[in-house]
């Protein structure tokens, strides 16, 4: 790794450390183990969703349906376990498969019918919410069993909540998938320069469909964790969470123009935003001021990313074209 890449890799962690230092100075309670554990716990569902949702923007798209997928799959897993009598492990497997199928369907409509991903996933966000409303009859269902399922979101291991381990496991797996697998390289190539990727033998349509399939599957995992954590399911359970995920992705350095992104960066982005909110709470700053602080962070991240994205995009595209010439 050359010096430029090392600086780029360390930039976001350095900002995180600086933020933690500032928050520690203004509030000594910030570095308490219990407080840091609570911050990680608060972003676990966002981190889980971000681990898969990152592939859509990397390939040049976007997935706005992940919140509705999470809510619908939370209802679905409850129906299978407590209404249909399906074993909880089989119910979880079927639920993840449902999320993957929804993601695949989004990818299919986007690629085969050449419909903008924003429109496709926004429509999916709406009709999936409607399906969830019909299935749940517009109400909220309590999930009181089985105990093994409730332990997924409510249990603790080695002093930390189980959702933190699930989130970290998916972050690590997704990081390996993006940086060490052929799928990750194809996703980056498609987002950086689709024409060059196609000339290099990459199928952009298949790559994008796989990206949305991964996004749907991880959204289902997030829905399962959320349902277990809250012990309830309803159509609006994950309302607005897609914006929190996009915030984590953007702050973490993922370009909405495609071609670049970091799973670890997205995780750090989610933690940074959570740290800001946590710090404001510790300082007793009134809640109405919190969105302003968070919005400023998002805006600065967008300006920064837009400033570096064109160079990355051009460099990547040129590299692929040189390889195929």
C-alpha atoms as a PDB file:
ATOM      1  CA  UNK A   1       0.000   0.000   0.000  1.00  0.00           C
ATOM      2  CA  UNK A   2       1.523   3.337  -1.071  1.00  0.00           C
ATOM      3  CA  UNK A   3       1.494   6.490   1.038  1.00  0.00           C
ATOM      4  CA  UNK A   4      -1.530   8.009  -0.717  1.00  0.00           C
ATOM      5  CA  UNK A   5      -3.637   4.902  -0.159  1.00  0.00           C
ATOM      6  CA  UNK A   6      -2.493   4.688   3.450  1.00  0.00           C
ATOM      7  CA  UNK A   7      -3.528   8.294   4.062  1.00  0.00           C
ATOM      8  CA  UNK A   8      -6.911   7.660   2.456  1.00  0.00           C
ATOM      9  CA  UNK A   9      -7.429   4.526   4.558  1.00  0.00           C
ATOM     10  CA  UNK A  10      -6.548   6.296   7.790  1.00  0.00           C
ATOM     11  CA  UNK A  11      -8.458   9.523   7.129  1.00  0.00           C
ATOM     12  CA  UNK A  12     -11.853   8.393   8.431  1.00  0.00           C
ATOM     13  CA  UNK A  13     -10.520   6.494  11.486  1.00  0.00           C
ATOM     14  CA  UNK A  14      -8.489   9.604  12.344  1.00  0.00           C
ATOM     15  CA  UNK A  15     -11.645  11.719  12.216  1.00  0.00           C
ATOM     16  CA  UNK A  16     -13.400   9.180  14.448  1.00  0.00           C
ATOM     17  CA  UNK A  17     -10.571   9.261  17.000  1.00  0.00           C
ATOM     18  CA  UNK A  18     -10.562  13.071  16.945  1.00  0.00           C
ATOM     19  CA  UNK A  19     -14.323  13.124  17.481  1.00  0.00           C
ATOM     20  CA  UNK A  20     -14.011  10.711  20.395  1.00  0.00           C
ATOM     21  CA  UNK A  21     -11.249  12.861  21.907  1.00  0.00           C
ATOM     22  CA  UNK A  22     -13.387  15.985  21.699  1.00  0.00           C
ATOM     23  CA  UNK A  23     -16.413  14.226  23.195  1.00  0.00           C
ATOM     24  CA  UNK A  24     -14.254  12.807  25.990  1.00  0.00           C
ATOM     25  CA  UNK A  25     -12.978  16.284  26.853  1.00  0.00           C
ATOM     26  CA  UNK A  26     -16.432  17.865  26.943  1.00  0.00           C
ATOM     27  CA  UNK A  27     -18.010  14.871  28.701  1.00  0.00           C
ATOM     28  CA  UNK A  28     -15.799  12.444  30.691  1.00  0.00           C
ATOM     29  CA  UNK A  29     -18.734   9.988  30.800  1.00  0.00           C
ATOM     30  CA  UNK A  30     -18.396   9.430  27.073  1.00  0.00           C
ATOM     31  CA  UNK A  31     -15.632   6.800  27.290  1.00  0.00           C
ATOM     32  CA  UNK A  32     -17.460   4.691  29.886  1.00  0.00           C
ATOM     33  CA  UNK A  33     -17.748   1.080  28.688  1.00  0.00           C
ATOM     34  CA  UNK A  34     -21.488   1.102  29.282  1.00  0.00           C
ATOM     35  CA  UNK A  35     -21.933   4.248  27.179  1.00  0.00           C
ATOM     36  CA  UNK A  36     -19.823   2.954  24.272  1.00  0.00           C
ATOM     37  CA  UNK A  37     -21.692  -0.361  24.390  1.00  0.00           C
ATOM     38  CA  UNK A  38     -24.993   1.487  24.202  1.00  0.00           C
ATOM     39  CA  UNK A  39     -23.805   3.481  21.185  1.00  0.00           C
ATOM     40  CA  UNK A  40     -22.802   0.308  19.331  1.00  0.00           C
ATOM     41  CA  UNK A  41     -26.084  -1.311  20.327  1.00  0.00           C
ATOM     42  CA  UNK A  42     -28.020   1.681  18.974  1.00  0.00           C
ATOM     43  CA  UNK A  43     -26.492   1.341  15.490  1.00  0.00           C
ATOM     44  CA  UNK A  44     -26.534  -2.445  15.191  1.00  0.00           C
ATOM     45  CA  UNK A  45     -29.551  -2.633  12.840  1.00  0.00           C
ATOM     46  CA  UNK A  46     -28.208   0.261  10.744  1.00  0.00           C
ATOM     47  CA  UNK A  47     -24.818  -1.467  10.537  1.00  0.00           C
ATOM     48  CA  UNK A  48     -26.424  -4.753   9.495  1.00  0.00           C
ATOM     49  CA  UNK A  49     -28.432  -3.093   6.728  1.00  0.00           C
ATOM     50  CA  UNK A  50     -25.454  -1.012   5.581  1.00  0.00           C
ATOM     51  CA  UNK A  51     -23.275  -4.135   5.197  1.00  0.00           C
ATOM     52  CA  UNK A  52     -25.419  -5.206   2.247  1.00  0.00           C
ATOM     53  CA  UNK A  53     -27.010  -1.957   1.082  1.00  0.00           C
ATOM     54  CA  UNK A  54     -23.570  -0.595   0.154  1.00  0.00           C
ATOM     55  CA  UNK A  55     -23.421  -2.666  -3.043  1.00  0.00           C
ATOM     56  CA  UNK A  56     -26.285  -0.830  -4.753  1.00  0.00           C
ATOM     57  CA  UNK A  57     -24.575   2.593  -4.723  1.00  0.00           C
ATOM     58  CA  UNK A  58     -21.212   1.011  -5.525  1.00  0.00           C
ATOM     59  CA  UNK A  59     -22.733  -0.326  -8.773  1.00  0.00           C
ATOM     60  CA  UNK A  60     -24.271   3.068  -9.523  1.00  0.00           C
ATOM     61  CA  UNK A  61     -27.736   2.512  -8.033  1.00  0.00           C
ATOM     62  CA  UNK A  62     -29.546   2.937  -4.741  1.00  0.00           C
ATOM     63  CA  UNK A  63     -31.840   0.828  -2.553  1.00  0.00           C
ATOM     64  CA  UNK A  64     -34.571   2.745  -0.748  1.00  0.00           C
ATOM     65  CA  UNK A  65     -36.631  -0.353   0.002  1.00  0.00           C
ATOM     66  CA  UNK A  66     -34.487  -1.797   2.791  1.00  0.00           C
ATOM     67  CA  UNK A  67     -36.618  -0.304   5.574  1.00  0.00           C
ATOM     68  CA  UNK A  68     -39.803  -1.812   4.195  1.00  0.00           C
ATOM     69  CA  UNK A  69     -38.041  -5.142   3.616  1.00  0.00           C
ATOM     70  CA  UNK A  70     -36.874  -5.142   7.238  1.00  0.00           C
ATOM     71  CA  UNK A  71     -40.386  -4.427   8.534  1.00  0.00           C
ATOM     72  CA  UNK A  72     -42.056  -6.981   6.256  1.00  0.00           C
ATOM     73  CA  UNK A  73     -39.571  -9.727   7.087  1.00  0.00           C
ATOM     74  CA  UNK A  74     -40.036  -9.037  10.797  1.00  0.00           C
ATOM     75  CA  UNK A  75     -43.738  -9.693  10.350  1.00  0.00           C
ATOM     76  CA  UNK A  76     -43.060 -12.714   8.145  1.00  0.00           C
ATOM     77  CA  UNK A  77     -40.716 -14.477  10.578  1.00  0.00           C
ATOM     78  CA  UNK A  78     -43.262 -14.004  13.360  1.00  0.00           C
ATOM     79  CA  UNK A  79     -46.027 -15.479  11.204  1.00  0.00           C
ATOM     80  CA  UNK A  80     -43.933 -18.527  10.382  1.00  0.00           C
ATOM     81  CA  UNK A  81     -42.852 -19.200  13.971  1.00  0.00           C
ATOM     82  CA  UNK A  82     -45.895 -18.286  16.024  1.00  0.00           C
ATOM     83  CA  UNK A  83     -48.775 -18.657  13.579  1.00  0.00           C
ATOM     84  CA  UNK A  84     -47.668 -21.450  11.250  1.00  0.00           C
ATOM     85  CA  UNK A  85     -45.630 -23.399  13.817  1.00  0.00           C
ATOM     86  CA  UNK A  86     -42.428 -23.481  11.751  1.00  0.00           C
ATOM     87  CA  UNK A  87     -39.160 -24.193  13.573  1.00  0.00           C
ATOM     88  CA  UNK A  88     -37.458 -20.894  14.413  1.00  0.00           C
ATOM     89  CA  UNK A  89     -34.271 -21.732  12.505  1.00  0.00           C
ATOM     90  CA  UNK A  90     -36.220 -22.703   9.389  1.00  0.00           C
ATOM     91  CA  UNK A  91     -38.321 -19.566   9.782  1.00  0.00           C
ATOM     92  CA  UNK A  92     -35.200 -17.410   9.861  1.00  0.00           C
ATOM     93  CA  UNK A  93     -33.759 -19.149   6.799  1.00  0.00           C
ATOM     94  CA  UNK A  94     -37.030 -18.696   4.881  1.00  0.00           C
ATOM     95  CA  UNK A  95     -37.199 -15.047   5.916  1.00  0.00           C
ATOM     96  CA  UNK A  96     -33.677 -14.311   4.683  1.00  0.00           C
ATOM     97  CA  UNK A  97     -34.569 -16.079   1.437  1.00  0.00           C
ATOM     98  CA  UNK A  98     -37.631 -13.834   1.112  1.00  0.00           C
ATOM     99  CA  UNK A  99     -35.489 -10.733   1.575  1.00  0.00           C
ATOM    100  CA  UNK A 100     -33.014 -11.982  -1.031  1.00  0.00           C
ATOM    101  CA  UNK A 101     -35.889 -12.665  -3.477  1.00  0.00           C
ATOM    102  CA  UNK A 102     -37.282  -9.153  -3.031  1.00  0.00           C
ATOM    103  CA  UNK A 103     -33.813  -7.731  -3.651  1.00  0.00           C
ATOM    104  CA  UNK A 104     -33.411  -9.909  -6.740  1.00  0.00           C
ATOM    105  CA  UNK A 105     -36.788  -8.699  -8.018  1.00  0.00           C
ATOM    106  CA  UNK A 106     -35.700  -5.074  -7.552  1.00  0.00           C
ATOM    107  CA  UNK A 107     -32.499  -5.804  -9.441  1.00  0.00           C
ATOM    108  CA  UNK A 108     -34.378  -7.581 -12.213  1.00  0.00           C
ATOM    109  CA  UNK A 109     -36.744  -4.660 -12.787  1.00  0.00           C
ATOM    110  CA  UNK A 110     -33.847  -2.216 -12.685  1.00  0.00           C
ATOM    111  CA  UNK A 111     -31.647  -4.068 -15.155  1.00  0.00           C
ATOM    112  CA  UNK A 112     -33.981  -5.866 -17.552  1.00  0.00           C
ATOM    113  CA  UNK A 113     -36.541  -3.085 -17.910  1.00  0.00           C
ATOM    114  CA  UNK A 114     -33.975  -0.264 -17.594  1.00  0.00           C
ATOM    115  CA  UNK A 115     -35.956   1.548 -14.917  1.00  0.00           C
ATOM    116  CA  UNK A 116     -34.065   3.942 -12.667  1.00  0.00           C
ATOM    117  CA  UNK A 117     -33.118   2.263  -9.386  1.00  0.00           C
ATOM    118  CA  UNK A 118     -34.401   5.212  -7.377  1.00  0.00           C
ATOM    119  CA  UNK A 119     -37.873   4.790  -8.870  1.00  0.00           C
ATOM    120  CA  UNK A 120     -37.876   0.996  -8.592  1.00  0.00           C
ATOM    121  CA  UNK A 121     -36.814   0.878  -4.963  1.00  0.00           C
ATOM    122  CA  UNK A 122     -39.010   3.826  -3.982  1.00  0.00           C
ATOM    123  CA  UNK A 123     -41.978   1.969  -5.474  1.00  0.00           C
ATOM    124  CA  UNK A 124     -40.878  -1.190  -3.637  1.00  0.00           C
ATOM    125  CA  UNK A 125     -40.663   0.784  -0.397  1.00  0.00           C
ATOM    126  CA  UNK A 126     -44.306   1.785  -0.879  1.00  0.00           C
ATOM    127  CA  UNK A 127     -45.885  -1.490  -1.985  1.00  0.00           C
ATOM    128  CA  UNK A 128     -43.915  -3.579   0.522  1.00  0.00           C
ATOM    129  CA  UNK A 129     -45.191  -1.290   3.261  1.00  0.00           C
ATOM    130  CA  UNK A 130     -48.692  -1.870   1.919  1.00  0.00           C
ATOM    131  CA  UNK A 131     -48.212  -5.647   1.934  1.00  0.00           C
ATOM    132  CA  UNK A 132     -46.929  -5.448   5.506  1.00  0.00           C
ATOM    133  CA  UNK A 133     -50.008  -3.444   6.485  1.00  0.00           C
ATOM    134  CA  UNK A 134     -52.324  -6.051   4.951  1.00  0.00           C
ATOM    135  CA  UNK A 135     -50.550  -9.028   6.532  1.00  0.00           C
ATOM    136  CA  UNK A 136     -50.414  -7.396   9.963  1.00  0.00           C
ATOM    137  CA  UNK A 137     -53.927  -5.980   9.553  1.00  0.00           C
ATOM    138  CA  UNK A 138     -52.503  -2.581  10.343  1.00  0.00           C
ATOM    139  CA  UNK A 139     -51.690  -3.551  13.908  1.00  0.00           C
ATOM    140  CA  UNK A 140     -48.717  -4.352  16.095  1.00  0.00           C
ATOM    141  CA  UNK A 141     -48.023  -7.963  17.017  1.00  0.00           C
ATOM    142  CA  UNK A 142     -46.094  -8.935  20.147  1.00  0.00           C
ATOM    143  CA  UNK A 143     -43.435 -11.624  19.775  1.00  0.00           C
ATOM    144  CA  UNK A 144     -43.147 -13.498  23.061  1.00  0.00           C
ATOM    145  CA  UNK A 145     -41.636 -16.783  21.872  1.00  0.00           C
ATOM    146  CA  UNK A 146     -39.622 -18.832  21.135  1.00  0.00           C
ATOM    147  CA  UNK A 147     -36.917 -17.972  23.648  1.00  0.00           C
ATOM    148  CA  UNK A 148     -34.126 -18.816  21.185  1.00  0.00           C
ATOM    149  CA  UNK A 149     -35.438 -16.206  18.753  1.00  0.00           C
ATOM    150  CA  UNK A 150     -35.800 -13.552  21.452  1.00  0.00           C
ATOM    151  CA  UNK A 151     -32.187 -14.173  22.501  1.00  0.00           C
ATOM    152  CA  UNK A 152     -30.992 -13.007  19.065  1.00  0.00           C
ATOM    153  CA  UNK A 153     -31.856  -9.412  19.806  1.00  0.00           C
ATOM    154  CA  UNK A 154     -32.287  -9.374  23.566  1.00  0.00           C
ATOM    155  CA  UNK A 155     -29.550 -11.713  24.771  1.00  0.00           C
ATOM    156  CA  UNK A 156     -25.997 -10.892  25.797  1.00  0.00           C
ATOM    157  CA  UNK A 157     -22.727 -12.764  25.340  1.00  0.00           C
ATOM    158  CA  UNK A 158     -19.468 -11.891  27.106  1.00  0.00           C
ATOM    159  CA  UNK A 159     -21.087  -8.733  28.443  1.00  0.00           C
ATOM    160  CA  UNK A 160     -22.227  -7.310  25.095  1.00  0.00           C
ATOM    161  CA  UNK A 161     -25.641  -7.477  23.380  1.00  0.00           C
ATOM    162  CA  UNK A 162     -25.876 -10.215  20.752  1.00  0.00           C
ATOM    163  CA  UNK A 163     -26.879  -7.785  17.935  1.00  0.00           C
ATOM    164  CA  UNK A 164     -23.427  -6.199  18.166  1.00  0.00           C
ATOM    165  CA  UNK A 165     -21.777  -9.533  17.336  1.00  0.00           C
ATOM    166  CA  UNK A 166     -24.184 -10.089  14.438  1.00  0.00           C
ATOM    167  CA  UNK A 167     -23.441  -6.622  13.074  1.00  0.00           C
ATOM    168  CA  UNK A 168     -19.659  -7.025  13.393  1.00  0.00           C
ATOM    169  CA  UNK A 169     -19.781 -10.476  11.765  1.00  0.00           C
ATOM    170  CA  UNK A 170     -21.691  -9.117   8.762  1.00  0.00           C
ATOM    171  CA  UNK A 171     -19.379  -6.100   8.508  1.00  0.00           C
ATOM    172  CA  UNK A 172     -16.341  -8.401   8.384  1.00  0.00           C
ATOM    173  CA  UNK A 173     -17.945 -10.796   5.873  1.00  0.00           C
ATOM    174  CA  UNK A 174     -19.089  -7.953   3.651  1.00  0.00           C
ATOM    175  CA  UNK A 175     -15.665  -6.297   3.816  1.00  0.00           C
ATOM    176  CA  UNK A 176     -14.072  -9.555   2.648  1.00  0.00           C
ATOM    177  CA  UNK A 177     -16.704  -9.908  -0.094  1.00  0.00           C
ATOM    178  CA  UNK A 178     -16.042  -6.400  -1.371  1.00  0.00           C
ATOM    179  CA  UNK A 179     -12.253  -6.383  -1.160  1.00  0.00           C
ATOM    180  CA  UNK A 180     -11.265 -10.022  -1.706  1.00  0.00           C
ATOM    181  CA  UNK A 181     -13.863 -11.567  -4.038  1.00  0.00           C
ATOM    182  CA  UNK A 182     -14.460 -11.346  -7.772  1.00  0.00           C
ATOM    183  CA  UNK A 183     -17.976 -10.071  -7.070  1.00  0.00           C
ATOM    184  CA  UNK A 184     -16.579  -7.090  -5.187  1.00  0.00           C
ATOM    185  CA  UNK A 185     -14.191  -6.271  -8.018  1.00  0.00           C
ATOM    186  CA  UNK A 186     -17.006  -6.581 -10.566  1.00  0.00           C
ATOM    187  CA  UNK A 187     -19.288  -4.320  -8.519  1.00  0.00           C
ATOM    188  CA  UNK A 188     -16.628  -1.600  -8.313  1.00  0.00           C
ATOM    189  CA  UNK A 189     -15.827  -1.935 -12.019  1.00  0.00           C
ATOM    190  CA  UNK A 190     -19.493  -1.630 -13.040  1.00  0.00           C
ATOM    191  CA  UNK A 191     -19.996   1.449 -10.907  1.00  0.00           C
ATOM    192  CA  UNK A 192     -16.758   3.086 -12.049  1.00  0.00           C
ATOM    193  CA  UNK A 193     -17.247   2.585 -15.788  1.00  0.00           C
ATOM    194  CA  UNK A 194     -19.929   0.239 -17.098  1.00  0.00           C
ATOM    195  CA  UNK A 195     -18.671   0.305 -20.691  1.00  0.00           C
ATOM    196  CA  UNK A 196     -15.127  -0.593 -19.677  1.00  0.00           C
ATOM    197  CA  UNK A 197     -16.431  -3.287 -17.334  1.00  0.00           C
ATOM    198  CA  UNK A 198     -18.481  -4.835 -20.123  1.00  0.00           C
ATOM    199  CA  UNK A 199     -15.477  -4.813 -22.447  1.00  0.00           C
ATOM    200  CA  UNK A 200     -13.505  -6.562 -19.701  1.00  0.00           C
ATOM    201  CA  UNK A 201     -16.004  -9.433 -19.682  1.00  0.00           C
ATOM    202  CA  UNK A 202     -18.133  -8.299 -16.739  1.00  0.00           C
ATOM    203  CA  UNK A 203     -21.920  -8.612 -17.030  1.00  0.00           C
ATOM    204  CA  UNK A 204     -23.279  -5.368 -15.468  1.00  0.00           C
ATOM    205  CA  UNK A 205     -26.857  -6.679 -15.242  1.00  0.00           C
ATOM    206  CA  UNK A 206     -25.924  -9.839 -13.345  1.00  0.00           C
ATOM    207  CA  UNK A 207     -23.628  -7.858 -11.065  1.00  0.00           C
ATOM    208  CA  UNK A 208     -26.364  -5.361 -10.216  1.00  0.00           C
ATOM    209  CA  UNK A 209     -28.936  -8.101  -9.624  1.00  0.00           C
ATOM    210  CA  UNK A 210     -26.499  -9.778  -7.237  1.00  0.00           C
ATOM    211  CA  UNK A 211     -25.940  -6.433  -5.480  1.00  0.00           C
ATOM    212  CA  UNK A 212     -29.669  -5.947  -4.838  1.00  0.00           C
ATOM    213  CA  UNK A 213     -30.021  -9.576  -3.771  1.00  0.00           C
ATOM    214  CA  UNK A 214     -27.346  -9.081  -1.109  1.00  0.00           C
ATOM    215  CA  UNK A 215     -29.035  -5.844  -0.048  1.00  0.00           C
ATOM    216  CA  UNK A 216     -32.395  -7.592   0.361  1.00  0.00           C
ATOM    217  CA  UNK A 217     -30.893 -10.495   2.305  1.00  0.00           C
ATOM    218  CA  UNK A 218     -29.098  -8.263   4.810  1.00  0.00           C
ATOM    219  CA  UNK A 219     -32.233  -6.128   5.165  1.00  0.00           C
ATOM    220  CA  UNK A 220     -34.056  -9.321   6.156  1.00  0.00           C
ATOM    221  CA  UNK A 221     -31.369 -10.091   8.743  1.00  0.00           C
ATOM    222  CA  UNK A 222     -31.845  -6.577  10.080  1.00  0.00           C
ATOM    223  CA  UNK A 223     -35.599  -7.124  10.219  1.00  0.00           C
ATOM    224  CA  UNK A 224     -35.131 -10.356  12.167  1.00  0.00           C
ATOM    225  CA  UNK A 225     -32.797  -8.689  14.669  1.00  0.00           C
ATOM    226  CA  UNK A 226     -35.140  -5.710  15.016  1.00  0.00           C
ATOM    227  CA  UNK A 227     -38.176  -7.939  15.608  1.00  0.00           C
ATOM    228  CA  UNK A 228     -36.284  -9.953  18.209  1.00  0.00           C
ATOM    229  CA  UNK A 229     -34.874  -6.831  19.856  1.00  0.00           C
ATOM    230  CA  UNK A 230     -38.195  -5.012  20.186  1.00  0.00           C
ATOM    231  CA  UNK A 231     -40.258  -8.215  20.608  1.00  0.00           C
ATOM    232  CA  UNK A 232     -42.839  -6.859  18.196  1.00  0.00           C
ATOM    233  CA  UNK A 233     -43.582  -6.556  14.508  1.00  0.00           C
ATOM    234  CA  UNK A 234     -45.533  -3.975  12.543  1.00  0.00           C
ATOM    235  CA  UNK A 235     -45.453  -2.297   9.137  1.00  0.00           C
ATOM    236  CA  UNK A 236     -43.691   0.846  10.323  1.00  0.00           C
ATOM    237  CA  UNK A 237     -41.055  -0.905  12.447  1.00  0.00           C
ATOM    238  CA  UNK A 238     -38.139   0.309  10.311  1.00  0.00           C
ATOM    239  CA  UNK A 239     -39.670   3.481   8.903  1.00  0.00           C
ATOM    240  CA  UNK A 240     -36.984   5.942   7.806  1.00  0.00           C
ATOM    241  CA  UNK A 241     -34.055   3.646   8.545  1.00  0.00           C
ATOM    242  CA  UNK A 242     -33.003   3.704   4.890  1.00  0.00           C
ATOM    243  CA  UNK A 243     -32.042   7.366   5.365  1.00  0.00           C
ATOM    244  CA  UNK A 244     -29.914   6.456   8.389  1.00  0.00           C
ATOM    245  CA  UNK A 245     -28.195   3.776   6.316  1.00  0.00           C
ATOM    246  CA  UNK A 246     -27.550   6.188   3.450  1.00  0.00           C
ATOM    247  CA  UNK A 247     -26.127   8.652   5.969  1.00  0.00           C
ATOM    248  CA  UNK A 248     -23.722   5.985   7.249  1.00  0.00           C
ATOM    249  CA  UNK A 249     -22.687   5.102   3.698  1.00  0.00           C
ATOM    250  CA  UNK A 250     -22.089   8.698   2.633  1.00  0.00           C
ATOM    251  CA  UNK A 251     -20.261   9.726   5.794  1.00  0.00           C
ATOM    252  CA  UNK A 252     -18.209   6.541   5.430  1.00  0.00           C
ATOM    253  CA  UNK A 253     -17.000   7.539   1.974  1.00  0.00           C
ATOM    254  CA  UNK A 254     -19.283   5.597  -0.362  1.00  0.00           C
ATOM    255  CA  UNK A 255     -19.818   7.517  -3.576  1.00  0.00           C
ATOM    256  CA  UNK A 256     -23.453   7.780  -4.691  1.00  0.00           C
ATOM    257  CA  UNK A 257     -22.088   8.083  -8.237  1.00  0.00           C
ATOM    258  CA  UNK A 258     -20.773   4.523  -8.056  1.00  0.00           C
ATOM    259  CA  UNK A 259     -17.377   2.911  -8.274  1.00  0.00           C
ATOM    260  CA  UNK A 260     -16.156   3.313  -4.704  1.00  0.00           C
ATOM    261  CA  UNK A 261     -17.169   2.429  -1.189  1.00  0.00           C
ATOM    262  CA  UNK A 262     -15.976   0.922   2.061  1.00  0.00           C
ATOM    263  CA  UNK A 263     -17.910  -1.405   4.357  1.00  0.00           C
ATOM    264  CA  UNK A 264     -15.654  -0.517   7.269  1.00  0.00           C
ATOM    265  CA  UNK A 265     -16.086   3.136   6.364  1.00  0.00           C
ATOM    266  CA  UNK A 266     -19.863   2.747   6.427  1.00  0.00           C
ATOM    267  CA  UNK A 267     -19.629   1.205   9.888  1.00  0.00           C
ATOM    268  CA  UNK A 268     -17.413   4.052  11.077  1.00  0.00           C
ATOM    269  CA  UNK A 269     -19.841   6.526   9.509  1.00  0.00           C
ATOM    270  CA  UNK A 270     -22.754   5.004  11.422  1.00  0.00           C
ATOM    271  CA  UNK A 271     -20.776   5.093  14.668  1.00  0.00           C
ATOM    272  CA  UNK A 272     -19.690   8.701  14.064  1.00  0.00           C
ATOM    273  CA  UNK A 273     -23.271   9.874  13.601  1.00  0.00           C
ATOM    274  CA  UNK A 274     -24.294   7.920  16.700  1.00  0.00           C
ATOM    275  CA  UNK A 275     -21.408   9.445  18.661  1.00  0.00           C
ATOM    276  CA  UNK A 276     -22.564  12.933  17.714  1.00  0.00           C
ATOM    277  CA  UNK A 277     -26.088  12.187  18.926  1.00  0.00           C
ATOM    278  CA  UNK A 278     -24.750  10.540  22.074  1.00  0.00           C
ATOM    279  CA  UNK A 279     -22.463  13.487  22.791  1.00  0.00           C
ATOM    280  CA  UNK A 280     -25.321  15.930  22.396  1.00  0.00           C
ATOM    281  CA  UNK A 281     -27.367  13.867  24.835  1.00  0.00           C
ATOM    282  CA  UNK A 282     -24.531  13.785  27.370  1.00  0.00           C
ATOM    283  CA  UNK A 283     -24.259  17.574  27.078  1.00  0.00           C
ATOM    284  CA  UNK A 284     -28.022  17.894  27.589  1.00  0.00           C
ATOM    285  CA  UNK A 285     -28.458  19.657  24.255  1.00  0.00           C
ATOM    286  CA  UNK A 286     -32.208  19.876  23.471  1.00  0.00           C
ATOM    287  CA  UNK A 287     -33.394  17.257  20.985  1.00  0.00           C
ATOM    288  CA  UNK A 288     -34.631  19.799  18.383  1.00  0.00           C
ATOM    289  CA  UNK A 289     -30.990  20.773  17.737  1.00  0.00           C
ATOM    290  CA  UNK A 290     -29.828  17.207  17.039  1.00  0.00           C
ATOM    291  CA  UNK A 291     -31.017  16.977  13.395  1.00  0.00           C
ATOM    292  CA  UNK A 292     -29.199  20.225  12.600  1.00  0.00           C
ATOM    293  CA  UNK A 293     -25.871  18.861  13.834  1.00  0.00           C
ATOM    294  CA  UNK A 294     -26.385  15.567  12.017  1.00  0.00           C
ATOM    295  CA  UNK A 295     -27.435  17.348   8.827  1.00  0.00           C
ATOM    296  CA  UNK A 296     -24.290  19.466   8.828  1.00  0.00           C
ATOM    297  CA  UNK A 297     -22.166  16.299   9.072  1.00  0.00           C
ATOM    298  CA  UNK A 298     -24.019  14.740   6.126  1.00  0.00           C
ATOM    299  CA  UNK A 299     -23.678  17.889   4.022  1.00  0.00           C
ATOM    300  CA  UNK A 300     -19.941  18.158   4.669  1.00  0.00           C
ATOM    301  CA  UNK A 301     -19.495  14.480   3.817  1.00  0.00           C
ATOM    302  CA  UNK A 302     -21.417  14.894   0.573  1.00  0.00           C
ATOM    303  CA  UNK A 303     -19.337  17.903  -0.457  1.00  0.00           C
ATOM    304  CA  UNK A 304     -16.132  16.035   0.355  1.00  0.00           C
ATOM    305  CA  UNK A 305     -17.174  12.859  -1.480  1.00  0.00           C
ATOM    306  CA  UNK A 306     -18.378  14.741  -4.551  1.00  0.00           C
ATOM    307  CA  UNK A 307     -15.006  16.444  -4.653  1.00  0.00           C
ATOM    308  CA  UNK A 308     -13.064  13.163  -4.857  1.00  0.00           C
ATOM    309  CA  UNK A 309     -15.561  10.923  -6.692  1.00  0.00           C
ATOM    310  CA  UNK A 310     -14.999  12.264 -10.238  1.00  0.00           C
ATOM    311  CA  UNK A 311     -11.245  11.648 -10.008  1.00  0.00           C
ATOM    312  CA  UNK A 312     -11.798   8.103  -8.746  1.00  0.00           C
ATOM    313  CA  UNK A 313     -14.391   7.452 -11.406  1.00  0.00           C
ATOM    314  CA  UNK A 314     -12.210   8.714 -14.194  1.00  0.00           C
ATOM    315  CA  UNK A 315      -9.149   6.881 -12.950  1.00  0.00           C
ATOM    316  CA  UNK A 316     -10.989   3.595 -12.628  1.00  0.00           C
ATOM    317  CA  UNK A 317     -12.602   3.887 -16.012  1.00  0.00           C
ATOM    318  CA  UNK A 318      -9.318   4.729 -17.695  1.00  0.00           C
ATOM    319  CA  UNK A 319      -7.603   1.791 -16.051  1.00  0.00           C
ATOM    320  CA  UNK A 320     -10.221  -0.669 -17.334  1.00  0.00           C
ATOM    321  CA  UNK A 321     -10.111   0.809 -20.819  1.00  0.00           C
ATOM    322  CA  UNK A 322      -6.322   0.518 -20.961  1.00  0.00           C
ATOM    323  CA  UNK A 323      -6.559  -3.137 -19.973  1.00  0.00           C
ATOM    324  CA  UNK A 324      -8.958  -3.934 -22.788  1.00  0.00           C
ATOM    325  CA  UNK A 325      -7.243  -1.935 -25.525  1.00  0.00           C
END
